[in-house]
Amino acid sequence: MRLKKELIELVVRSVAESEDRELFRKPLVGFSAADDPLYMQLKEIVGSEHLSPQDILPATKTVLSFFIPFSRGVVLSNRKQQSVSTLWAESYLKANALIGEISEKLISYLEGKGIAAASVRATHNFNEKTLKSSWSHRSAAFIAGLGKFGVNRMLITQVGSAGRYGTVFISHQIPADPRPEKEYCIYYQKGGCLVCVNNCPVNALDRDSFDRFKCYDRVLENSQQFTALGHCDVCGKCAAAGPCAIIDNEEKRR
């Protein structure tokens, strides 16, 4: 349990000490067993190309998932206009970079204790023809108990859905966290809402389906708006919209 606490503290401290810390809120960290049966089911749910934890690190016993939630300012900026806000785009890139840095810190820390570890980059680990990932950070985070999927296909955590995920594979047994039973998505709780569905600018999202090709075409189109930032294929209108984007508590959703 001591190692688990140390790893959580490392992630939290890394975000708090980041030069871009004003863009983020306190991160969440969860752990799952590498032999959890749900990992094998991902080949059916996500796609046949999806890897198992052992495909990435053969000695994996534990999968660490972490979520870096965007700040309220970042989320609200992407609600104010039809186009993607520059702040959202910048925060997306900076979050991905920070995830890489944190993953490397975790690996270095673990290796210092004689524990092998590995990671997968935060994004662009998908087949460009099928648009299916070889590793789903959100699915791993679900297995690690960080949240439940909403109608927007985002993982909704106890602090909301707007943010970015990272994964580290660890060759040491660390107790897994329980998965929540409650739904965070209002539509799944009691029906109604669907703000995320109605906010999709290209109608790629429906309550029962998701057109990943429409979505991808949109983010590629958006990337032309941010050529000065580098490759920035973003949108986030379904993640930033509605009461599940930011959750302070069950009575105060933003």
Protein backbone atom coordinates (compact mmCIF):
# COMPACT_ATOMS: atom_id res chain seq x y z
CA MET A 1 0.00 0.00 0.00
CA ARG A 2 2.94 2.32 0.59
CA LEU A 3 4.04 2.09 -3.04
CA LYS A 4 0.50 2.79 -4.20
CA LYS A 5 0.38 5.94 -2.09
CA GLU A 6 3.78 7.06 -3.36
CA LEU A 7 2.73 6.69 -6.99
CA ILE A 8 -0.49 8.62 -6.42
CA GLU A 9 1.45 11.39 -4.69
CA LEU A 10 3.93 11.55 -7.57
CA VAL A 11 1.14 12.10 -10.10
CA VAL A 12 -0.64 14.70 -7.95
CA ARG A 13 2.59 16.56 -7.23
CA SER A 14 3.64 16.55 -10.88
CA VAL A 15 0.44 18.30 -11.93
CA ALA A 16 0.56 20.74 -9.01
CA GLU A 17 4.15 21.70 -9.85
CA SER A 18 3.66 21.92 -13.62
CA GLU A 19 4.24 25.32 -15.22
CA ASP A 20 0.81 24.85 -16.81
CA ARG A 21 -0.93 23.91 -13.56
CA GLU A 22 -3.56 26.67 -13.96
CA LEU A 23 -4.98 24.70 -16.89
CA PHE A 24 -5.72 21.63 -14.79
CA ARG A 25 -7.38 20.41 -11.61
CA LYS A 26 -6.19 17.76 -9.18
CA PRO A 27 -5.65 14.46 -11.02
CA LEU A 28 -7.23 11.11 -10.24
CA VAL A 29 -5.27 7.85 -10.09
CA GLY A 30 -6.61 4.30 -10.23
CA PHE A 31 -5.14 0.79 -10.35
CA SER A 32 -6.32 -2.40 -12.02
CA ALA A 33 -5.02 -5.96 -12.18
CA ALA A 34 -3.34 -6.79 -15.49
CA ASP A 35 -5.19 -10.12 -15.56
CA ASP A 36 -8.62 -8.51 -15.12
CA PRO A 37 -10.90 -10.35 -17.61
CA LEU A 38 -12.16 -7.02 -18.93
CA TYR A 39 -8.82 -6.42 -20.67
CA MET A 40 -9.37 -9.43 -22.90
CA GLN A 41 -12.88 -8.22 -23.70
CA LEU A 42 -11.45 -5.00 -25.14
CA LYS A 43 -10.42 -6.88 -28.27
CA GLU A 44 -14.13 -7.38 -28.91
CA ILE A 45 -15.35 -4.02 -27.60
CA VAL A 46 -12.68 -1.69 -29.02
CA GLY A 47 -11.27 -3.83 -31.83
CA SER A 48 -9.09 -6.83 -32.62
CA GLU A 49 -6.00 -4.60 -32.76
CA HIS A 50 -6.36 -3.62 -29.12
CA LEU A 51 -3.41 -4.82 -27.07
CA SER A 52 -3.40 -6.52 -23.69
CA PRO A 53 -1.24 -5.13 -20.86
CA GLN A 54 1.14 -8.07 -21.35
CA ASP A 55 1.53 -7.20 -25.04
CA ILE A 56 3.05 -3.90 -23.95
CA LEU A 57 5.05 -5.17 -20.97
CA PRO A 58 5.10 -8.99 -20.69
CA ALA A 59 5.71 -8.87 -16.93
CA THR A 60 2.79 -6.50 -16.25
CA LYS A 61 0.89 -7.27 -13.06
CA THR A 62 -0.72 -3.88 -12.44
CA VAL A 63 -2.04 -1.15 -14.72
CA LEU A 64 -1.95 2.41 -13.36
CA SER A 65 -4.39 4.85 -14.93
CA PHE A 66 -4.48 8.58 -14.29
CA PHE A 67 -6.81 11.39 -15.33
CA ILE A 68 -5.81 15.05 -15.59
CA PRO A 69 -9.03 17.12 -15.56
CA PHE A 70 -9.10 20.48 -17.29
CA SER A 71 -9.76 23.60 -15.24
CA ARG A 72 -13.14 25.30 -15.28
CA GLY A 73 -11.68 28.12 -17.37
CA VAL A 74 -10.50 25.72 -20.06
CA VAL A 75 -13.86 23.95 -20.20
CA LEU A 76 -15.93 27.14 -20.28
CA SER A 77 -13.75 28.59 -23.04
CA ASN A 78 -14.82 25.76 -25.34
CA ARG A 79 -18.50 26.43 -24.71
CA LYS A 80 -18.49 30.09 -25.72
CA GLN A 81 -18.10 29.66 -29.46
CA GLN A 82 -18.94 27.21 -32.23
CA SER A 83 -15.30 26.79 -33.20
CA VAL A 84 -12.78 25.19 -30.86
CA SER A 85 -11.26 27.66 -28.42
CA THR A 86 -7.54 28.30 -28.62
CA LEU A 87 -7.27 27.70 -24.87
CA TRP A 88 -8.84 24.25 -25.28
CA ALA A 89 -6.46 23.38 -28.11
CA GLU A 90 -3.41 24.56 -26.18
CA SER A 91 -4.55 22.71 -23.05
CA TYR A 92 -5.03 19.51 -25.06
CA LEU A 93 -1.45 19.63 -26.31
CA LYS A 94 -0.02 20.61 -22.93
CA ALA A 95 -1.97 17.86 -21.18
CA ASN A 96 -0.63 15.27 -23.62
CA ALA A 97 2.91 16.51 -23.03
CA LEU A 98 2.39 16.45 -19.26
CA ILE A 99 1.05 12.90 -19.44
CA GLY A 100 4.26 11.88 -21.20
CA GLU A 101 6.37 13.59 -18.55
CA ILE A 102 4.44 12.01 -15.68
CA SER A 103 4.63 8.58 -17.28
CA GLU A 104 8.40 8.89 -17.58
CA LYS A 105 8.65 10.02 -13.95
CA LEU A 106 6.62 7.03 -12.81
CA ILE A 107 8.73 4.63 -14.88
CA SER A 108 11.97 6.12 -13.55
CA TYR A 109 10.69 6.01 -9.97
CA LEU A 110 9.64 2.38 -10.29
CA GLU A 111 12.86 1.34 -12.01
CA GLY A 112 14.73 2.90 -9.11
CA LYS A 113 12.99 0.33 -6.94
CA GLY A 114 13.86 -2.50 -9.30
CA ILE A 115 10.38 -2.63 -10.82
CA ALA A 116 9.99 -2.71 -14.60
CA ALA A 117 7.42 -0.34 -16.11
CA ALA A 118 6.28 0.96 -19.48
CA SER A 119 3.78 3.42 -20.94
CA VAL A 120 1.83 4.25 -24.08
CA ARG A 121 1.72 7.74 -25.53
CA ALA A 122 -1.32 9.83 -24.72
CA THR A 123 -2.74 9.99 -28.24
CA HIS A 124 -2.40 9.01 -31.91
CA ASN A 125 -2.06 5.32 -31.12
CA PHE A 126 -4.80 4.29 -33.52
CA ASN A 127 -5.18 2.77 -36.97
CA GLU A 128 -5.88 5.61 -39.41
CA LYS A 129 -8.07 3.37 -41.58
CA THR A 130 -10.28 1.88 -38.88
CA LEU A 131 -9.79 4.73 -36.37
CA LYS A 132 -9.59 2.12 -33.61
CA SER A 133 -6.96 2.33 -30.90
CA SER A 134 -4.30 -0.20 -30.07
CA TRP A 135 -4.65 0.99 -26.48
CA SER A 136 -7.69 2.75 -25.00
CA HIS A 137 -6.64 4.88 -22.03
CA ARG A 138 -10.27 5.56 -21.17
CA SER A 139 -11.17 1.86 -21.14
CA ALA A 140 -8.19 1.13 -18.89
CA ALA A 141 -9.28 3.95 -16.59
CA PHE A 142 -12.76 2.43 -16.45
CA ILE A 143 -11.29 -0.93 -15.47
CA ALA A 144 -9.25 0.88 -12.81
CA GLY A 145 -12.42 2.33 -11.29
CA LEU A 146 -11.95 5.96 -12.30
CA GLY A 147 -15.44 6.36 -13.74
CA LYS A 148 -18.19 5.09 -16.02
CA PHE A 149 -18.88 5.77 -19.66
CA GLY A 150 -21.54 8.29 -20.59
CA VAL A 151 -23.72 8.59 -23.65
CA ASN A 152 -20.99 10.85 -25.09
CA ARG A 153 -18.58 7.85 -25.11
CA MET A 154 -16.39 9.80 -22.70
CA LEU A 155 -15.43 8.33 -19.34
CA ILE A 156 -17.17 10.40 -16.69
CA THR A 157 -15.24 10.48 -13.43
CA GLN A 158 -16.26 11.81 -10.04
CA VAL A 159 -14.87 15.19 -11.16
CA GLY A 160 -16.24 15.13 -14.70
CA SER A 161 -15.32 14.07 -18.22
CA ALA A 162 -13.25 16.98 -19.55
CA GLY A 163 -9.57 16.06 -19.42
CA ARG A 164 -6.92 13.63 -20.60
CA TYR A 165 -5.78 10.12 -19.58
CA GLY A 166 -2.49 8.28 -19.23
CA THR A 167 -1.50 4.67 -18.53
CA VAL A 168 1.57 3.03 -16.99
CA PHE A 169 2.18 -0.74 -16.89
CA ILE A 170 3.89 -2.09 -13.78
CA SER A 171 5.59 -5.44 -13.14
CA HIS A 172 4.61 -5.40 -9.47
CA GLN A 173 1.37 -6.37 -7.79
CA ILE A 174 -0.52 -3.37 -6.42
CA PRO A 175 -4.06 -3.74 -5.03
CA ALA A 176 -6.72 -2.96 -7.63
CA ASP A 177 -9.36 -0.32 -7.00
CA PRO A 178 -13.09 -1.13 -7.04
CA ARG A 179 -15.25 0.06 -9.91
CA PRO A 180 -18.13 2.43 -9.10
CA GLU A 181 -21.65 1.10 -9.38
CA LYS A 182 -23.39 4.44 -9.78
CA GLU A 183 -23.83 6.18 -13.11
CA TYR A 184 -22.40 9.67 -13.51
CA CYS A 185 -24.16 10.27 -16.84
CA ILE A 186 -27.53 11.94 -16.26
CA TYR A 187 -29.03 10.23 -19.31
CA TYR A 188 -28.15 6.83 -17.89
CA GLN A 189 -29.35 7.88 -14.44
CA LYS A 190 -32.80 9.13 -15.37
CA GLY A 191 -33.04 9.90 -19.07
CA GLY A 192 -33.26 13.34 -20.60
CA CYS A 193 -30.24 15.66 -20.84
CA LEU A 194 -28.36 14.64 -24.06
CA VAL A 195 -26.61 18.02 -24.09
CA CYS A 196 -23.46 16.31 -25.36
CA VAL A 197 -25.34 14.67 -28.25
CA ASN A 198 -27.03 17.91 -29.25
CA ASN A 199 -23.74 19.80 -29.04
CA CYS A 200 -21.88 17.68 -31.61
CA PRO A 201 -21.33 20.03 -34.57
CA VAL A 202 -21.38 17.23 -37.18
CA ASN A 203 -24.03 14.93 -35.65
CA ALA A 204 -21.49 12.16 -35.17
CA LEU A 205 -22.95 11.30 -31.79
CA ASP A 206 -26.32 9.77 -30.99
CA ARG A 207 -27.68 8.15 -27.86
CA ASP A 208 -27.08 4.68 -29.33
CA SER A 209 -24.30 5.21 -31.86
CA PHE A 210 -21.11 7.07 -32.70
CA ASP A 211 -19.73 7.78 -36.18
CA ARG A 212 -15.98 7.92 -35.56
CA PHE A 213 -15.30 8.87 -39.19
CA LYS A 214 -17.47 12.00 -39.03
CA CYS A 215 -15.79 12.88 -35.75
CA TYR A 216 -12.29 12.38 -37.15
CA ASP A 217 -13.02 14.44 -40.26
CA ARG A 218 -14.14 17.25 -37.96
CA VAL A 219 -11.03 17.21 -35.78
CA LEU A 220 -8.81 17.17 -38.87
CA GLU A 221 -10.71 20.18 -40.17
CA ASN A 222 -10.27 21.89 -36.80
CA SER A 223 -6.53 21.21 -36.89
CA GLN A 224 -6.23 23.67 -39.78
CA GLN A 225 -7.25 26.38 -37.33
CA PHE A 226 -4.24 25.65 -35.13
CA THR A 227 -1.36 25.04 -37.54
CA ALA A 228 0.84 27.35 -35.46
CA LEU A 229 0.49 24.93 -32.53
CA GLY A 230 1.55 21.85 -34.51
CA HIS A 231 -0.64 18.80 -35.07
CA CYS A 232 -3.69 19.65 -33.00
CA ASP A 233 -6.69 17.57 -34.10
CA VAL A 234 -9.20 18.62 -31.46
CA CYS A 235 -12.86 19.36 -30.89
CA GLY A 236 -14.07 18.48 -27.39
CA LYS A 237 -17.56 19.89 -27.84
CA CYS A 238 -19.12 16.71 -26.42
CA ALA A 239 -16.66 16.64 -23.51
CA ALA A 240 -16.96 20.32 -22.58
CA ALA A 241 -20.74 20.54 -22.94
CA GLY A 242 -23.31 19.79 -20.33
CA PRO A 243 -23.40 18.99 -16.63
CA CYS A 244 -20.93 16.09 -16.78
CA ALA A 245 -17.97 18.14 -18.04
CA ILE A 246 -17.10 19.33 -14.54
CA ILE A 247 -18.51 17.76 -11.38
CA ASP A 248 -17.64 19.40 -8.06
CA ASN A 249 -20.12 17.16 -6.30
CA GLU A 250 -23.45 15.57 -7.17
CA GLU A 251 -25.32 18.77 -6.34
CA LYS A 252 -22.98 21.04 -8.30
CA ARG A 253 -22.38 20.10 -11.92
CA ARG A 254 -21.02 22.52 -14.51
